[in-house]
Protein backbone atom coordinates (compact mmCIF):
# COMPACT_ATOMS: atom_id res chain seq x y z
CA MET A 1 9.08 -17.48 -2.97
CA LYS A 2 10.61 -14.85 -5.29
CA LEU A 3 8.88 -11.64 -6.19
CA LEU A 4 8.34 -10.15 -9.67
CA SER A 5 7.55 -6.45 -9.77
CA ALA A 6 5.82 -5.00 -12.82
CA ILE A 7 6.05 -1.30 -13.31
CA VAL A 8 3.34 0.30 -15.43
CA PRO A 9 3.81 4.04 -16.26
CA CYS A 10 0.43 5.62 -16.97
CA TYR A 11 -0.56 9.06 -18.41
CA ASN A 12 -4.28 9.43 -19.12
CA GLU A 13 -4.79 5.73 -19.43
CA GLU A 14 -8.06 5.25 -17.49
CA GLU A 15 -9.54 3.11 -20.26
CA ASN A 16 -6.54 0.80 -20.32
CA VAL A 17 -5.88 0.24 -16.60
CA ARG A 18 -8.45 -2.50 -16.17
CA TYR A 19 -7.62 -4.20 -19.51
CA PHE A 20 -3.92 -4.33 -18.71
CA TYR A 21 -4.65 -5.86 -15.27
CA ASP A 22 -6.88 -8.48 -16.81
CA GLU A 23 -4.20 -9.46 -19.33
CA PHE A 24 -1.50 -9.46 -16.68
CA ILE A 25 -3.21 -11.87 -14.29
CA LYS A 26 -3.67 -14.37 -17.09
CA ASN A 27 -0.08 -15.30 -16.14
CA LYS A 28 -1.19 -16.60 -12.76
CA THR A 29 -0.61 -20.21 -13.73
CA PHE A 30 2.91 -19.29 -14.81
CA PHE A 31 3.59 -17.53 -11.52
CA THR A 32 2.37 -20.56 -9.63
CA GLU A 33 4.47 -22.97 -11.65
CA LYS A 34 7.62 -20.87 -11.12
CA ASP A 35 6.85 -20.24 -7.45
CA LEU A 36 6.71 -16.50 -8.06
CA ASP A 37 4.68 -13.84 -6.33
CA TYR A 38 4.05 -10.53 -8.03
CA GLU A 39 3.36 -6.88 -7.39
CA LEU A 40 1.81 -4.53 -9.95
CA ILE A 41 2.99 -0.93 -9.55
CA TYR A 42 1.02 1.61 -11.51
CA VAL A 43 2.79 5.01 -11.75
CA ASP A 44 0.27 7.68 -12.50
CA ASP A 45 2.30 10.43 -14.23
CA GLY A 46 0.03 13.38 -13.38
CA SER A 47 -2.94 12.18 -15.45
CA ALA A 48 -5.78 14.62 -16.09
CA ASP A 49 -8.39 11.82 -16.29
CA LYS A 50 -9.43 9.10 -13.76
CA THR A 51 -6.39 6.89 -14.15
CA ALA A 52 -5.73 6.93 -10.44
CA ASP A 53 -9.31 6.20 -9.52
CA GLU A 54 -9.28 3.11 -11.81
CA VAL A 55 -6.12 1.81 -10.13
CA LYS A 56 -7.66 2.42 -6.65
CA LYS A 57 -10.53 0.13 -7.68
CA LEU A 58 -8.06 -2.54 -8.51
CA ILE A 59 -6.28 -2.02 -5.18
CA ALA A 60 -9.58 -2.77 -3.42
CA GLU A 61 -9.73 -6.08 -5.31
CA ASP A 62 -6.11 -7.20 -5.24
CA SER A 63 -3.61 -6.27 -2.54
CA ARG A 64 -0.72 -6.91 -4.93
CA VAL A 65 -1.67 -3.75 -6.91
CA HIS A 66 0.02 -0.49 -5.84
CA LEU A 67 -0.24 3.10 -6.95
CA ILE A 68 2.34 5.94 -7.10
CA SER A 69 0.73 9.18 -8.13
CA PHE A 70 2.80 12.28 -9.15
CA SER A 71 1.87 15.83 -8.29
CA ARG A 72 2.05 16.64 -12.07
CA ASN A 73 3.27 15.23 -15.37
CA PHE A 74 7.03 14.60 -15.01
CA GLY A 75 7.35 12.31 -18.00
CA LYS A 76 7.75 8.59 -18.62
CA GLU A 77 11.46 8.57 -17.72
CA ALA A 78 10.65 9.85 -14.24
CA ALA A 79 7.75 7.37 -13.90
CA MET A 80 9.97 4.38 -14.85
CA TYR A 81 12.65 5.54 -12.34
CA ALA A 82 10.08 6.01 -9.57
CA GLY A 83 8.63 2.55 -10.21
CA MET A 84 12.09 0.90 -10.12
CA LYS A 85 12.89 2.76 -6.91
CA GLU A 86 9.73 1.48 -5.22
CA ALA A 87 9.91 -2.02 -6.64
CA LYS A 88 10.98 -4.70 -4.18
CA GLY A 89 11.06 -7.67 -6.55
CA ASP A 90 13.92 -10.00 -7.35
CA TYR A 91 12.82 -9.49 -10.91
CA VAL A 92 11.53 -6.18 -12.32
CA ALA A 93 9.54 -5.65 -15.52
CA ILE A 94 8.62 -2.37 -17.22
CA MET A 95 5.50 -2.40 -19.31
CA ASP A 96 3.18 0.16 -21.00
CA ALA A 97 -0.48 0.24 -19.91
CA ASP A 98 -1.74 0.50 -23.51
CA LEU A 99 -0.99 -3.24 -24.10
CA GLN A 100 1.60 -2.52 -26.83
CA ASP A 101 3.81 -4.47 -24.42
CA PRO A 102 1.92 -7.81 -24.19
CA PRO A 103 2.01 -9.32 -20.71
CA SER A 104 1.79 -12.72 -22.47
CA LEU A 105 5.51 -12.39 -23.27
CA LEU A 106 6.54 -12.50 -19.54
CA PRO A 107 6.96 -16.31 -19.40
CA GLU A 108 9.28 -16.24 -22.37
CA LEU A 109 11.27 -13.34 -20.94
CA TYR A 110 11.56 -15.15 -17.63
CA GLY A 111 12.76 -18.26 -19.43
CA TRP A 112 15.77 -16.38 -20.75
CA LEU A 113 16.69 -15.16 -17.22
CA GLU A 114 16.55 -18.75 -16.12
CA GLN A 115 19.10 -19.60 -18.85
CA GLY A 116 21.60 -17.11 -17.37
CA TYR A 117 20.75 -13.79 -18.98
CA ASP A 118 20.58 -10.75 -16.73
CA THR A 119 18.01 -8.86 -18.86
CA ALA A 120 15.44 -10.09 -21.36
CA ALA A 121 14.47 -7.02 -23.52
CA THR A 122 12.10 -6.59 -26.41
CA ARG A 123 12.26 -4.99 -29.75
CA ARG A 124 9.70 -4.48 -32.47
CA SER A 125 10.37 -6.56 -35.64
CA THR A 126 7.83 -4.42 -37.56
CA ARG A 127 6.24 -0.98 -37.27
CA THR A 128 2.88 -1.96 -38.56
CA GLY A 129 0.24 0.74 -37.89
CA GLU A 130 2.83 3.49 -37.48
CA PRO A 131 2.98 6.43 -39.90
CA PRO A 132 5.64 5.85 -42.54
CA VAL A 133 7.29 9.23 -41.92
CA ARG A 134 7.70 8.43 -38.20
CA SER A 135 9.15 5.00 -38.99
CA PHE A 136 11.63 6.52 -41.45
CA PHE A 137 12.88 9.08 -38.90
CA ALA A 138 13.05 6.44 -36.22
CA HIS A 139 15.31 4.24 -38.30
CA ARG A 140 17.52 7.24 -39.18
CA PHE A 141 17.73 8.19 -35.44
CA TYR A 142 18.92 4.73 -34.38
CA HIS A 143 21.40 4.63 -37.28
CA LEU A 144 22.77 8.12 -36.36
CA ILE A 145 23.06 7.62 -32.60
CA ASN A 146 24.81 4.27 -33.02
CA LYS A 147 27.34 6.02 -35.29
CA MET A 148 27.87 8.79 -32.77
CA SER A 149 27.78 6.91 -29.48
CA GLN A 150 29.83 4.07 -27.98
CA THR A 151 26.66 2.77 -26.27
CA GLU A 152 24.66 0.48 -28.51
CA ILE A 153 21.03 1.31 -28.77
CA VAL A 154 19.06 -1.34 -30.67
CA ASP A 155 16.76 -0.30 -33.46
CA GLY A 156 13.15 -0.82 -32.46
CA ALA A 157 14.00 -1.35 -28.83
CA ARG A 158 11.09 -1.04 -26.40
CA ASP A 159 11.24 -0.10 -22.75
CA TYR A 160 9.52 -3.45 -22.14
CA ARG A 161 12.03 -5.70 -20.41
CA LEU A 162 12.48 -8.07 -17.53
CA MET A 163 15.58 -7.49 -15.37
CA LYS A 164 17.29 -9.14 -12.44
CA ARG A 165 17.67 -7.09 -9.24
CA GLN A 166 21.35 -6.44 -9.84
CA VAL A 167 20.58 -4.75 -13.10
CA VAL A 168 17.83 -2.56 -11.56
CA ASP A 169 20.21 -1.50 -8.76
CA ALA A 170 22.85 -0.53 -11.37
CA ILE A 171 20.20 1.60 -13.23
CA LEU A 172 19.10 3.31 -9.96
CA SER A 173 22.67 4.27 -9.22
CA LEU A 174 22.52 6.55 -12.21
CA SER A 175 20.36 9.28 -10.72
CA GLU A 176 20.95 11.86 -13.47
CA TYR A 177 18.14 14.37 -14.13
CA ASN A 178 18.30 14.18 -17.90
CA ARG A 179 17.41 10.55 -18.49
CA PHE A 180 17.38 8.52 -21.70
CA SER A 181 16.58 5.03 -20.45
CA LYS A 182 17.19 3.23 -23.77
CA GLY A 183 20.79 4.45 -23.53
CA ILE A 184 21.08 3.80 -19.76
CA PHE A 185 19.91 0.16 -20.21
CA GLY A 186 22.76 -0.36 -22.73
CA TRP A 187 25.36 1.63 -20.81
CA VAL A 188 25.06 -0.40 -17.54
CA GLY A 189 25.84 -3.51 -19.59
CA PHE A 190 24.99 -7.01 -18.33
CA ARG A 191 24.13 -9.98 -20.51
CA THR A 192 20.99 -9.12 -22.51
CA LYS A 193 18.71 -11.34 -24.68
CA TRP A 194 16.64 -9.49 -27.30
CA VAL A 195 13.18 -10.90 -27.97
CA GLU A 196 11.42 -9.75 -31.15
CA TYR A 197 7.73 -9.35 -31.63
CA GLU A 198 5.41 -7.73 -34.17
CA ASN A 199 4.14 -4.27 -33.34
CA ILE A 200 0.83 -4.23 -31.47
CA GLU A 201 -1.44 -1.17 -31.66
CA ARG A 202 -2.94 0.52 -28.61
CA LYS A 203 -5.97 -1.03 -26.92
CA HIS A 204 -7.62 2.35 -26.29
CA GLY A 205 -6.89 6.00 -26.67
CA LYS A 206 -4.22 7.78 -28.64
CA THR A 207 -0.45 7.89 -28.24
CA LYS A 208 0.93 10.77 -26.15
CA TRP A 209 4.05 10.96 -28.32
CA SER A 210 3.74 13.53 -31.12
CA PHE A 211 6.42 13.85 -33.81
CA TRP A 212 8.01 16.85 -32.05
CA LYS A 213 8.03 15.14 -28.73
CA LEU A 214 9.86 12.22 -30.26
CA PHE A 215 12.21 14.65 -31.92
CA GLY A 216 13.01 16.23 -28.58
CA TYR A 217 13.42 12.83 -27.03
CA ALA A 218 15.88 11.92 -29.77
CA MET A 219 17.93 15.06 -29.16
CA ASP A 220 17.97 14.19 -25.50
CA GLY A 221 19.36 10.74 -26.41
CA ILE A 222 22.10 12.17 -28.66
CA THR A 223 23.25 14.72 -26.14
CA ALA A 224 23.11 12.19 -23.27
CA PHE A 225 25.26 9.59 -24.88
CA SER A 226 27.44 11.41 -27.39
CA THR A 227 29.64 14.49 -27.56
CA ALA A 228 29.86 14.25 -31.29
CA PRO A 229 27.90 17.52 -31.97
CA LEU A 230 30.46 19.44 -29.92
CA LYS A 231 33.34 17.82 -31.80
CA ALA A 232 31.51 18.58 -35.13
CA ALA A 233 31.19 22.24 -34.10
CA SER A 234 34.87 22.46 -33.29
CA ILE A 235 35.92 20.79 -36.53
CA THR A 236 33.62 23.05 -38.57
CA GLY A 237 35.15 26.12 -36.89
CA ILE A 238 38.66 24.95 -37.80
CA ILE A 239 37.69 24.25 -41.37
CA PHE A 240 36.07 27.65 -41.83
CA CYS A 241 39.07 29.43 -40.26
CA PHE A 242 41.37 27.65 -42.73
CA VAL A 243 39.18 28.43 -45.71
CA SER A 244 38.96 32.09 -44.66
CA PHE A 245 42.70 32.34 -44.31
CA ILE A 246 43.22 30.88 -47.77
CA MET A 247 40.58 33.27 -49.27
CA ILE A 248 42.26 36.28 -47.65
CA ILE A 249 45.59 35.28 -49.34
CA VAL A 250 43.82 34.73 -52.71
CA THR A 251 42.22 38.15 -52.49
CA ILE A 252 45.46 39.96 -51.67
CA VAL A 253 47.37 38.19 -54.43
CA ARG A 254 44.63 38.90 -56.93
CA LYS A 255 44.68 42.58 -56.07
CA LEU A 256 48.49 42.90 -56.17
CA ILE A 257 48.99 40.95 -59.41
CA PHE A 258 45.86 41.75 -61.43
CA GLY A 259 44.67 44.87 -59.72
CA ASP A 260 41.18 43.28 -59.60
CA PRO A 261 39.41 43.73 -56.28
CA THR A 262 36.78 41.13 -55.30
CA SER A 263 33.40 42.20 -56.74
CA GLY A 264 29.84 41.20 -56.25
CA TRP A 265 27.85 41.90 -53.08
CA PRO A 266 25.39 39.03 -53.64
CA SER A 267 28.05 36.41 -53.25
CA LEU A 268 29.41 38.24 -50.21
CA VAL A 269 25.90 38.28 -48.62
CA CYS A 270 25.48 34.56 -49.32
CA ILE A 271 28.78 33.75 -47.65
CA ILE A 272 27.91 35.88 -44.64
CA PHE A 273 24.57 34.08 -44.31
CA LEU A 274 26.21 30.70 -44.65
CA VAL A 275 28.94 31.36 -42.06
CA SER A 276 26.41 33.01 -39.63
CA GLY A 277 24.07 30.08 -39.95
CA ILE A 278 26.82 27.58 -39.23
CA GLN A 279 27.91 29.70 -36.24
CA MET A 280 24.37 29.66 -34.85
CA LEU A 281 24.13 25.91 -35.46
CA CYS A 282 27.34 25.30 -33.54
CA LEU A 283 26.22 27.72 -30.80
CA GLY A 284 22.97 25.79 -30.58
CA ALA A 285 24.80 22.49 -30.18
CA VAL A 286 26.82 24.01 -27.29
CA GLY A 287 23.61 25.36 -25.82
CA GLN A 288 22.02 21.91 -25.74
CA TYR A 289 24.87 20.62 -23.55
CA LEU A 290 24.91 23.81 -21.40
CA GLU A 291 21.10 23.33 -20.86
CA LYS A 292 21.64 19.79 -19.64
CA THR A 293 24.46 20.88 -17.36
CA TYR A 294 22.28 23.65 -15.92
CA LEU A 295 19.42 21.27 -15.11
CA GLU A 296 21.81 18.79 -13.56
CA VAL A 297 23.56 21.28 -11.21
CA LYS A 298 20.18 22.57 -9.95
CA ASN A 299 19.74 19.08 -8.45
CA ARG A 300 15.94 19.17 -8.53
CA PRO A 301 14.13 15.84 -7.82
CA LEU A 302 13.12 13.79 -10.83
CA TYR A 303 9.52 13.69 -9.56
CA ILE A 304 7.23 14.60 -6.61
CA ILE A 305 4.91 12.01 -5.23
CA LYS A 306 1.44 13.26 -4.39
CA GLU A 307 0.02 9.89 -3.21
CA LYS A 308 1.26 6.36 -2.67
CA LEU A 309 -0.95 3.38 -1.92
């Protein structure tokens, strides 16, 4: 009998823990037909509410339910990594507790693995219920990162996916501190089937992802899978050096031939501000990569487990 491990990262999801479990076990008939056993691993990412207590109630009812509780909030990336590290299944699924990743899709995802795919991943075909501004910037991010990176990141891709053990082991071998899983899933390769479904709104509670958190996450993705900002900074520097050299020659020739020195301090101030701004922008790009290097070399753990049941 093969084992399917479902990893459920949770942060302040006490209202959704039970609902997710109830939806998940509706697949019991499917598990029986496919001769599959399951384990349900809730990863409590330092929740401030009673998420862990709700999971413990489920553990008392079902021995297949497990809990990993962090000492504080380390982020969803760390929660997914911890869940994959603890999962023992031949197949591993990653799903959100808010039911935006419908457990009813599991049979279809498993069917694609039976047909020879290594991963069955999901993507949203629509963004119904999402603010238009967020949708606009999300589309622009995917367009930009796919232009800058050699690793394909599918527009609308969710973390919700079902993977064979070999794929999970490959992901776990990448133990980097600065994680961007959407890129890592694509970087490790393997044969992937994309399954589309319409966006589903949360069952309870509010999303923990604000616009600025998503912006920061997007920046992490760009710096993790592309060095294009560094190249752009270098190219910009070369261009400005060339333009400055030409302008120096023009100024000298103008003075020698026409006796007309360059006039106008407003234009000079504007140029200084422009060049200074571009210098700071390039320095900021370098700083982003330096920050990531600094965090990596400290070699701190991705998470600290407070309790494991």
